[in-house]
Amino acid sequence: MTSHVLHGRGDVLVPDVPGAVFTSIAKPPATPLTDPSAAVRNVLENPIGSRPLAELAQGRASACIVICDITRPVPNHLFLRPMVETLVEAGIPLEAITILVATGLHRPNLGPELDELVGDPWVVANVRIGNHFARDEAMLVDLGRTSTRGTPIHLNRLFVEADLRIVTGLIEPHFMAGWSGGRKVVAPGVAGHETIRTFHSHRFMADPLAIQCNLAGNPLHEEQLQIVAAVGEIYALSTVIDEQRRLLQVTFGDVIASHQVAVDFAAGLCEVAVARRFHTVVTSSAGYPLDKTYYQTVKGMVTPLDILEPGGTLIMVSECEEGLGSPEFAESQARLAALGPKPFLEQITPKRLADIDEWQTQMLAQAMLRARIQLFGARIAPDQQQLACVEVIDDLAVAIAASIERSGDPAVAVIPEGPYVVPVV
C-alpha cells in the first residue's frame, strides 16, 4: 500500500515496511460544491434561524466580521467580499465595517501573512482589518461571569460594541471543545486572557466530556454558549472543506443554529468507525497551516488515541516550520521535560487559571501517559528538541519496523489528515 500523510504544504510518503499491514483511515468520499461563490450567496440570502444578511444589515451603523487566524485554512476569499458588499449595499458605511482576526492568545497575523489569510486583495485594500490582543485590557469589555462555573466574560470591545456581529470559521473536530467554529470563534477567539485561561484550566480540560466531536455535557462548550448568550445577537458563517481545501458545505445564520447544522454535516465525514485498535499509528498534524508549530501539532497526538493500544507507538509527522510556538508554551514544555508527565499534571491540577499555552502541554502529558510518541519531519532547532518531550526521529521506516517488533503486531494505521479525522473503535 502506498500512503501519504500531510506535511507542511505537501506530504510525506509512508514507506513500505516488510511484513507491515497498513490500514488507511480517511474521510469517506465527498463531492465538493461545483460553484462555491453561488453557494455563499445562497446561504447569505437563505440563512438558518435568522433573516437574510441584507435585511440584518438594514439600519445598522457598524459591523464586525470575525475571522480565524492563520492556523485555520478557512476559505475567507470566498465569502468576505460578498459579505462586505452586502453590508454596504444595505447602508452600513464601508469605513464602519471591521474585520477582526480571532487570535485568542496566538500571535497577530501581519503583512504578507495577513494578505494570505484574507485571500482577497480588494478586501485588504478597502476594509479595516485588525488583530485581537487578549492581553490588552483596554481592548476588552467585562460582561460579568457565567452562571454555571463563574468564568469571567471579557471580550473584544470592537466586537461587542458593533451593531452587527458576525463570526466566520471552519468546522473541524477540536480535541477539547468538541468542534471548532461558531461560538468558539467568540471565545477563545476574541476573548480576554483571563477568560481563556479559566476554561483552559485543568479542571475543565481533564473533564472526560471535553473531547473531540462531543458537545453534550462538554464544559468548554457550555461556557462558550453562556458567553455567546451574554453578548446577545451574533450570526455565523461556517465552512466545511475537504483534504484539498475545497468547499463541501457553507452555512449562515444564527450563531448556534447554523453552527449545529454544519457540525452535523461534518460529523458524518470526520468520525470514522474502525474495527480494532493498533499498536502502531502514523498520523499527521493535517499539514499547513495547522502544523506550523509544535503547539498546534499536539492536537494530532490526542485525536487518534482511541484506536491506539495502551502503550503503543504514535508516530506524528509535522513540519513545525515555526518551531515550538510561543515562549510561554516553551516554558511550559520545559517544566514537563523536568518533571515528567504525571508530576506535571499533579502540579497544575489545583490551579484556577492556567498559565498561557499550558493547556497544550497538559494534553501532551496526558497522551504521553498512554503512548510512546515519536515526531518525524519537524523543523525544531536541535537545542530545543528536548522540549518536545517526545522522541524525535529521522527515519519513518525504521520507526515503524521497530514498533512492529516491539508489539509483535504487523498492523499499522495511517491517518493522512491527522486531527481532521477522528477514528473511533
Protein backbone atom coordinates (compact mmCIF):
# COMPACT_ATOMS: atom_id res chain seq x y z
CA MET A 1 0.00 0.00 0.00
CA THR A 2 1.24 3.47 -0.89
CA SER A 3 0.05 6.14 1.51
CA HIS A 4 0.92 9.76 2.11
CA VAL A 5 0.33 11.93 5.18
CA LEU A 6 0.03 15.71 5.00
CA HIS A 7 3.19 17.62 5.91
CA GLY A 8 3.65 21.37 5.52
CA ARG A 9 2.41 22.43 2.08
CA GLY A 10 2.97 18.92 0.70
CA ASP A 11 3.02 15.39 2.02
CA VAL A 12 5.30 12.59 3.17
CA LEU A 13 5.29 9.07 1.76
CA VAL A 14 4.75 6.38 4.37
CA PRO A 15 7.38 3.81 3.36
CA ASP A 16 6.56 0.19 2.69
CA VAL A 17 8.00 -1.84 5.55
CA PRO A 18 8.45 -5.59 5.02
CA GLY A 19 5.78 -7.52 6.89
CA ALA A 20 3.71 -4.44 7.76
CA VAL A 21 -0.02 -4.47 7.06
CA PHE A 22 -1.24 -0.92 6.52
CA THR A 23 -4.76 0.43 7.04
CA SER A 24 -5.51 3.95 5.82
CA ILE A 25 -8.10 5.82 7.87
CA ALA A 26 -9.62 8.73 5.98
CA LYS A 27 -12.87 10.59 5.49
CA PRO A 28 -15.42 8.98 3.17
CA PRO A 29 -15.53 10.46 -0.34
CA ALA A 30 -17.39 13.76 -0.56
CA THR A 31 -18.24 15.86 -3.59
CA PRO A 32 -17.08 19.48 -3.40
CA LEU A 33 -19.54 22.21 -4.30
CA THR A 34 -19.44 22.95 -8.01
CA ASP A 35 -19.98 26.69 -7.56
CA PRO A 36 -18.71 27.82 -4.13
CA SER A 37 -19.40 31.51 -4.84
CA ALA A 38 -23.02 30.77 -5.66
CA ALA A 39 -23.30 28.64 -2.53
CA VAL A 40 -22.08 31.55 -0.40
CA ARG A 41 -24.57 33.95 -1.98
CA ASN A 42 -27.34 31.42 -1.44
CA VAL A 43 -26.73 30.99 2.30
CA LEU A 44 -26.46 34.74 2.84
CA GLU A 45 -29.89 35.06 1.20
CA ASN A 46 -31.36 31.92 2.81
CA PRO A 47 -29.92 31.67 6.32
CA ILE A 48 -30.66 29.30 9.19
CA GLY A 49 -32.59 30.77 12.11
CA SER A 50 -32.32 34.41 11.01
CA ARG A 51 -33.26 36.91 8.33
CA PRO A 52 -31.06 37.29 5.22
CA LEU A 53 -27.84 39.24 5.71
CA ALA A 54 -29.11 42.15 3.59
CA GLU A 55 -32.08 42.54 5.94
CA LEU A 56 -29.99 42.08 9.09
CA ALA A 57 -27.74 44.93 7.98
CA GLN A 58 -30.52 47.46 7.44
CA GLY A 59 -30.48 50.29 9.97
CA ARG A 60 -27.13 49.24 11.47
CA ALA A 61 -24.42 51.82 12.00
CA SER A 62 -21.47 49.40 12.16
CA ALA A 63 -20.46 45.77 11.68
CA CYS A 64 -17.67 43.50 12.88
CA ILE A 65 -16.78 40.34 10.95
CA VAL A 66 -14.51 37.98 12.89
CA ILE A 67 -12.22 35.61 11.00
CA CYS A 68 -9.99 32.82 12.32
CA ASP A 69 -6.23 33.31 12.44
CA ILE A 70 -3.64 31.73 10.15
CA THR A 71 -3.77 28.36 11.98
CA ARG A 72 -7.09 27.56 10.27
CA PRO A 73 -7.37 27.09 6.47
CA VAL A 74 -10.68 28.93 6.23
CA PRO A 75 -11.63 29.89 2.62
CA ASN A 76 -12.03 33.57 3.52
CA HIS A 77 -11.50 34.54 -0.13
CA LEU A 78 -14.88 33.03 -0.96
CA PHE A 79 -17.09 34.99 1.40
CA LEU A 80 -15.51 38.14 2.83
CA ARG A 81 -16.05 40.40 -0.16
CA PRO A 82 -19.67 39.25 -0.78
CA MET A 83 -20.43 39.84 2.90
CA VAL A 84 -18.86 43.29 2.94
CA GLU A 85 -20.57 44.31 -0.29
CA THR A 86 -23.93 43.13 1.06
CA LEU A 87 -23.43 45.21 4.22
CA VAL A 88 -22.52 48.32 2.22
CA GLU A 89 -25.45 47.92 -0.15
CA ALA A 90 -27.71 47.69 2.89
CA GLY A 91 -26.46 51.04 4.17
CA ILE A 92 -23.52 50.36 6.51
CA PRO A 93 -20.63 52.69 5.58
CA LEU A 94 -17.53 50.82 4.40
CA GLU A 95 -15.42 52.66 6.96
CA ALA A 96 -17.72 51.37 9.72
CA ILE A 97 -17.00 47.72 8.90
CA THR A 98 -14.17 45.95 10.73
CA ILE A 99 -12.66 42.55 10.03
CA LEU A 100 -11.20 41.24 13.28
CA VAL A 101 -8.71 38.37 13.39
CA ALA A 102 -9.61 35.99 16.22
CA THR A 103 -6.14 35.31 17.54
CA GLY A 104 -7.14 34.12 21.01
CA LEU A 105 -3.76 34.10 22.71
CA HIS A 106 -1.86 33.40 19.48
CA ARG A 107 0.43 35.96 17.86
CA PRO A 108 -1.04 38.55 15.45
CA ASN A 109 -1.20 37.96 11.69
CA LEU A 110 0.51 40.80 9.82
CA GLY A 111 1.94 41.76 6.43
CA PRO A 112 2.06 39.06 3.74
CA GLU A 113 0.64 36.54 6.20
CA LEU A 114 -2.45 38.72 6.68
CA ASP A 115 -2.79 39.05 2.91
CA GLU A 116 -2.68 35.25 2.64
CA LEU A 117 -5.18 34.85 5.45
CA VAL A 118 -7.75 37.24 3.95
CA GLY A 119 -7.13 35.91 0.46
CA ASP A 120 -8.73 38.86 -1.37
CA PRO A 121 -6.69 41.95 -2.37
CA TRP A 122 -9.85 44.07 -2.65
CA VAL A 123 -10.77 43.34 0.97
CA VAL A 124 -7.23 44.05 2.18
CA ALA A 125 -7.19 47.36 0.30
CA ASN A 126 -10.65 48.60 1.26
CA VAL A 127 -11.70 47.22 4.64
CA ARG A 128 -10.27 47.98 8.06
CA ILE A 129 -8.61 44.82 9.41
CA GLY A 130 -7.23 44.34 12.91
CA ASN A 131 -5.94 41.64 15.23
CA HIS A 132 -7.39 40.79 18.62
CA PHE A 133 -4.98 41.12 21.55
CA ALA A 134 -6.18 39.11 24.53
CA ARG A 135 -3.73 40.74 26.94
CA ASP A 136 -4.68 44.32 26.06
CA GLU A 137 -7.12 45.20 28.83
CA ALA A 138 -8.12 48.45 27.08
CA MET A 139 -9.37 46.38 24.16
CA LEU A 140 -11.73 44.33 26.37
CA VAL A 141 -15.25 44.69 27.76
CA ASP A 142 -16.28 42.99 31.01
CA LEU A 143 -19.68 41.28 30.70
CA GLY A 144 -19.65 39.59 34.10
CA ARG A 145 -19.32 35.85 34.69
CA THR A 146 -21.02 32.67 33.54
CA SER A 147 -23.61 31.36 35.97
CA THR A 148 -22.50 27.73 35.96
CA ARG A 149 -18.75 27.88 36.57
CA GLY A 150 -18.00 31.56 37.11
CA THR A 151 -15.89 32.05 34.01
CA PRO A 152 -15.13 35.77 33.54
CA ILE A 153 -16.59 37.08 30.27
CA HIS A 154 -14.02 39.51 28.89
CA LEU A 155 -14.41 40.10 25.15
CA ASN A 156 -13.08 42.35 22.42
CA ARG A 157 -14.66 45.80 22.57
CA LEU A 158 -14.87 46.25 18.78
CA PHE A 159 -16.85 43.04 18.52
CA VAL A 160 -19.16 43.60 21.48
CA GLU A 161 -19.97 47.22 20.59
CA ALA A 162 -20.60 46.61 16.86
CA ASP A 163 -24.23 46.95 15.77
CA LEU A 164 -23.95 43.76 13.71
CA ARG A 165 -21.70 40.91 14.84
CA ILE A 166 -20.69 38.06 12.54
CA VAL A 167 -18.21 35.25 13.22
CA THR A 168 -16.80 33.06 10.47
CA GLY A 169 -14.80 29.88 10.55
CA LEU A 170 -14.11 26.26 9.78
CA ILE A 171 -15.96 23.29 11.23
CA GLU A 172 -13.46 20.63 12.27
CA PRO A 173 -13.04 18.32 15.27
CA HIS A 174 -11.48 20.06 18.24
CA PHE A 175 -9.74 17.97 20.85
CA MET A 176 -11.14 19.96 23.79
CA ALA A 177 -14.18 21.94 22.67
CA GLY A 178 -15.70 19.16 20.56
CA TRP A 179 -15.94 21.18 17.36
CA SER A 180 -14.39 24.40 16.14
CA GLY A 181 -16.30 27.33 14.67
CA GLY A 182 -19.36 29.28 15.79
CA ARG A 183 -19.26 30.06 19.49
CA LYS A 184 -15.57 29.08 19.66
CA VAL A 185 -14.66 31.99 17.36
CA VAL A 186 -16.05 34.26 20.09
CA ALA A 187 -14.31 32.52 22.98
CA PRO A 188 -11.41 31.96 22.95
CA GLY A 189 -11.18 33.72 19.55
CA VAL A 190 -11.82 37.30 20.73
CA ALA A 191 -11.81 36.71 24.49
CA GLY A 192 -9.50 38.17 27.12
CA HIS A 193 -6.65 36.18 28.60
CA GLU A 194 -8.40 35.58 31.93
CA THR A 195 -11.43 34.12 30.17
CA ILE A 196 -9.25 31.82 28.07
CA ARG A 197 -7.04 30.76 30.96
CA THR A 198 -10.10 29.92 33.07
CA PHE A 199 -11.82 27.47 30.76
CA HIS A 200 -8.48 26.11 29.56
CA SER A 201 -7.53 25.23 33.14
CA HIS A 202 -7.00 21.66 34.31
CA ARG A 203 -10.46 21.27 35.85
CA PHE A 204 -12.12 21.92 32.50
CA MET A 205 -9.74 20.05 30.27
CA ALA A 206 -9.43 16.97 32.42
CA ASP A 207 -13.20 16.52 32.19
CA PRO A 208 -13.94 13.25 30.33
CA LEU A 209 -16.52 15.05 28.19
CA ALA A 210 -14.07 17.72 26.98
CA ILE A 211 -13.10 15.67 23.93
CA GLN A 212 -13.24 15.86 20.16
CA CYS A 213 -16.62 15.61 18.41
CA ASN A 214 -18.58 15.89 21.65
CA LEU A 215 -20.75 18.88 22.62
CA ALA A 216 -23.14 17.18 25.05
CA GLY A 217 -22.03 17.98 28.58
CA ASN A 218 -18.73 19.38 27.33
CA PRO A 219 -17.79 22.05 29.90
CA LEU A 220 -15.92 24.22 27.38
CA HIS A 221 -18.91 24.18 25.02
CA GLU A 222 -21.30 25.01 27.85
CA GLU A 223 -19.22 28.00 28.91
CA GLN A 224 -18.96 29.17 25.31
CA LEU A 225 -22.75 29.05 24.94
CA GLN A 226 -23.15 31.20 28.05
CA ILE A 227 -20.56 33.67 26.78
CA VAL A 228 -22.41 33.96 23.46
CA ALA A 229 -25.69 34.50 25.32
CA ALA A 230 -24.11 37.29 27.37
CA VAL A 231 -23.16 39.14 24.17
CA GLY A 232 -26.58 38.84 22.55
CA GLU A 233 -27.25 38.85 18.82
CA ILE A 234 -24.48 37.07 16.86
CA TYR A 235 -24.52 35.47 13.42
CA ALA A 236 -22.14 32.90 12.00
CA LEU A 237 -20.85 31.72 8.65
CA SER A 238 -19.40 28.20 8.84
CA THR A 239 -17.49 26.23 6.23
CA VAL A 240 -16.59 22.57 5.81
CA ILE A 241 -13.69 21.69 3.47
CA ASP A 242 -12.01 18.54 2.19
CA GLU A 243 -8.36 17.47 2.20
CA GLN A 244 -7.68 19.59 -0.89
CA ARG A 245 -9.25 22.61 0.89
CA ARG A 246 -12.27 22.51 -1.46
CA LEU A 247 -15.61 23.73 -0.10
CA LEU A 248 -18.03 20.95 0.84
CA GLN A 249 -20.62 22.95 2.74
CA VAL A 250 -21.32 26.50 3.90
CA THR A 251 -23.99 27.74 6.31
CA PHE A 252 -25.02 31.16 7.58
CA GLY A 253 -27.45 32.34 10.24
CA ASP A 254 -27.96 32.29 13.99
CA VAL A 255 -24.64 31.51 15.67
CA ILE A 256 -25.97 28.41 17.46
CA ALA A 257 -28.46 27.01 14.95
CA SER A 258 -26.34 27.44 11.82
CA HIS A 259 -23.24 26.08 13.57
CA GLN A 260 -25.12 22.94 14.60
CA VAL A 261 -26.21 22.24 11.02
CA ALA A 262 -22.59 22.49 9.87
CA VAL A 263 -21.43 20.28 12.75
CA ASP A 264 -23.97 17.60 11.86
CA PHE A 265 -22.68 17.60 8.29
CA ALA A 266 -19.01 17.49 9.33
CA ALA A 267 -19.62 14.70 11.85
CA GLY A 268 -20.76 12.44 9.03
CA LEU A 269 -17.35 12.91 7.40
CA CYS A 270 -14.89 13.26 10.25
CA GLU A 271 -15.92 10.47 12.61
CA VAL A 272 -14.68 7.21 11.09
CA ALA A 273 -15.51 3.83 12.61
CA VAL A 274 -12.55 1.46 12.94
CA ALA A 275 -12.84 -2.26 13.73
CA ARG A 276 -9.84 -2.61 16.04
CA ARG A 277 -7.05 -0.88 17.93
CA PHE A 278 -3.47 -0.71 16.66
CA HIS A 279 -0.07 -0.90 18.33
CA THR A 280 1.35 1.42 15.65
CA VAL A 281 -0.34 4.59 14.37
CA VAL A 282 1.19 7.02 11.87
CA THR A 283 -0.61 10.34 11.71
CA SER A 284 -0.10 14.00 10.84
CA SER A 285 -0.97 17.47 12.02
CA ALA A 286 -3.01 17.95 8.82
CA GLY A 287 -0.24 19.87 7.10
CA TYR A 288 -0.12 23.64 6.61
CA PRO A 289 -1.25 25.76 8.35
CA LEU A 290 -2.04 23.62 11.39
CA ASP A 291 1.46 22.10 11.54
CA LYS A 292 3.25 25.49 11.59
CA THR A 293 4.12 24.96 15.27
CA TYR A 294 4.62 22.11 17.70
CA TYR A 295 1.97 23.76 19.89
CA GLN A 296 -0.68 23.05 17.24
CA THR A 297 0.84 19.64 16.48
CA VAL A 298 -0.24 18.32 19.87
CA LYS A 299 -3.84 18.20 18.58
CA GLY A 300 -2.89 15.44 16.18
CA MET A 301 -1.37 13.42 19.01
CA VAL A 302 -4.57 13.43 21.04
CA THR A 303 -7.18 12.73 18.36
CA PRO A 304 -6.21 9.12 17.45
CA LEU A 305 -5.72 7.79 20.99
CA ASP A 306 -9.00 5.85 20.91
CA ILE A 307 -7.59 3.47 18.27
CA LEU A 308 -4.12 3.14 19.83
CA GLU A 309 -3.47 0.20 22.11
CA PRO A 310 -2.29 1.43 25.53
CA GLY A 311 1.47 1.69 25.42
CA GLY A 312 1.50 1.58 21.63
CA THR A 313 3.56 3.82 19.37
CA LEU A 314 2.14 7.01 17.88
CA ILE A 315 4.29 8.48 15.10
CA MET A 316 3.47 12.12 14.39
CA VAL A 317 4.50 13.71 11.08
CA SER A 318 4.61 17.52 11.34
CA GLU A 319 6.74 20.26 9.79
CA CYS A 320 6.74 22.77 12.69
CA GLU A 321 8.27 25.44 10.44
CA GLU A 322 7.99 27.98 13.28
CA GLY A 323 9.44 25.62 15.88
CA LEU A 324 7.80 25.04 19.24
CA GLY A 325 5.44 28.01 19.31
CA SER A 326 5.12 30.78 21.88
CA PRO A 327 7.70 31.47 24.62
CA GLU A 328 5.01 30.60 27.17
CA PHE A 329 4.49 27.20 25.57
CA ALA A 330 8.25 26.58 25.53
CA GLU A 331 8.39 27.39 29.25
CA SER A 332 5.53 25.00 29.94
CA GLN A 333 7.27 22.30 27.91
CA ALA A 334 10.45 22.88 29.93
CA ARG A 335 8.52 22.12 33.10
CA LEU A 336 7.12 18.96 31.53
CA ALA A 337 10.63 17.90 30.48
CA ALA A 338 11.94 18.47 34.00
CA LEU A 339 9.06 16.87 35.91
CA GLY A 340 7.69 14.16 33.64
CA PRO A 341 4.01 13.85 32.67
CA LYS A 342 2.45 12.61 35.91
CA PRO A 343 4.13 15.11 38.29
CA PHE A 344 3.42 17.91 35.78
CA LEU A 345 -0.29 17.10 35.80
CA GLU A 346 -0.31 16.90 39.59
CA GLN A 347 1.34 20.32 39.76
CA ILE A 348 -1.24 22.08 37.58
CA THR A 349 -4.35 20.34 38.96
CA PRO A 350 -5.22 22.90 41.67
CA LYS A 351 -4.68 26.00 39.51
CA ARG A 352 -7.72 28.23 38.90
CA LEU A 353 -6.06 29.97 35.96
CA ALA A 354 -3.86 28.02 33.58
CA ASP A 355 -0.61 29.63 32.52
CA ILE A 356 -0.78 30.83 28.92
CA ASP A 357 -0.49 27.89 26.49
CA GLU A 358 -0.04 25.47 29.40
CA TRP A 359 -3.21 23.64 28.32
CA GLN A 360 -1.50 22.21 25.26
CA THR A 361 1.26 20.80 27.44
CA GLN A 362 -1.42 19.29 29.65
CA MET A 363 -2.92 17.46 26.67
CA LEU A 364 0.51 16.27 25.58
CA ALA A 365 1.26 14.99 29.09
CA GLN A 366 -1.99 13.03 29.11
CA ALA A 367 -1.11 11.50 25.74
CA MET A 368 2.41 10.63 26.93
CA LEU A 369 0.95 8.55 29.75
CA ARG A 370 -0.91 6.44 27.20
CA ALA A 371 1.52 6.13 24.31
CA ARG A 372 5.10 6.13 23.10
CA ILE A 373 5.14 9.25 20.91
CA GLN A 374 7.63 9.92 18.13
CA LEU A 375 7.98 13.02 15.96
CA PHE A 376 9.13 12.99 12.33
CA GLY A 377 9.83 15.80 9.87
CA ALA A 378 9.85 18.64 12.40
CA ARG A 379 11.95 21.76 11.91
CA ILE A 380 12.61 22.27 15.61
CA ALA A 381 16.06 23.62 16.42
CA PRO A 382 18.37 20.92 17.85
CA ASP A 383 18.83 22.84 21.10
CA GLN A 384 15.04 22.86 21.61
CA GLN A 385 14.18 19.32 20.59
CA GLN A 386 14.34 18.10 24.18
CA LEU A 387 11.42 20.45 24.90
CA ALA A 388 9.24 18.43 22.54
CA CYS A 389 9.27 15.83 25.34
CA VAL A 390 8.83 13.07 22.75
CA GLU A 391 11.33 11.09 20.68
CA VAL A 392 12.45 12.99 17.57
CA ILE A 393 13.17 10.54 14.74
CA ASP A 394 14.66 10.87 11.26
CA ASP A 395 13.62 7.58 9.61
CA LEU A 396 9.97 6.59 9.32
CA ALA A 397 10.68 3.08 8.04
CA VAL A 398 12.99 2.28 10.94
CA ALA A 399 10.47 3.63 13.46
CA ILE A 400 7.58 1.62 12.00
CA ALA A 401 9.65 -1.56 11.87
CA ALA A 402 10.81 -1.11 15.47
CA SER A 403 7.25 -0.57 16.69
CA ILE A 404 6.11 -3.74 14.93
CA GLU A 405 8.98 -5.67 16.50
CA ARG A 406 8.16 -4.36 19.99
CA SER A 407 4.48 -5.24 19.75
CA GLY A 408 4.58 -8.31 17.55
CA ASP A 409 1.64 -6.80 15.68
CA PRO A 410 2.20 -6.06 11.97
CA ALA A 411 -0.93 -3.89 11.66
CA VAL A 412 -0.22 -0.18 11.13
CA ALA A 413 -2.90 2.54 10.98
CA VAL A 414 -2.18 5.57 8.80
CA ILE A 415 -4.23 8.77 9.23
CA PRO A 416 -3.25 11.14 6.39
CA GLU A 417 -5.31 14.13 7.56
CA GLY A 418 -4.41 13.94 11.22
CA PRO A 419 -6.81 15.69 13.63
CA TYR A 420 -9.36 16.41 10.90
CA VAL A 421 -10.27 12.73 11.08
CA VAL A 422 -11.46 11.17 14.35
CA PRO A 423 -11.17 7.36 14.30
CA VAL A 424 -13.37 5.56 16.82
CA VAL A 425 -13.31 1.86 17.70
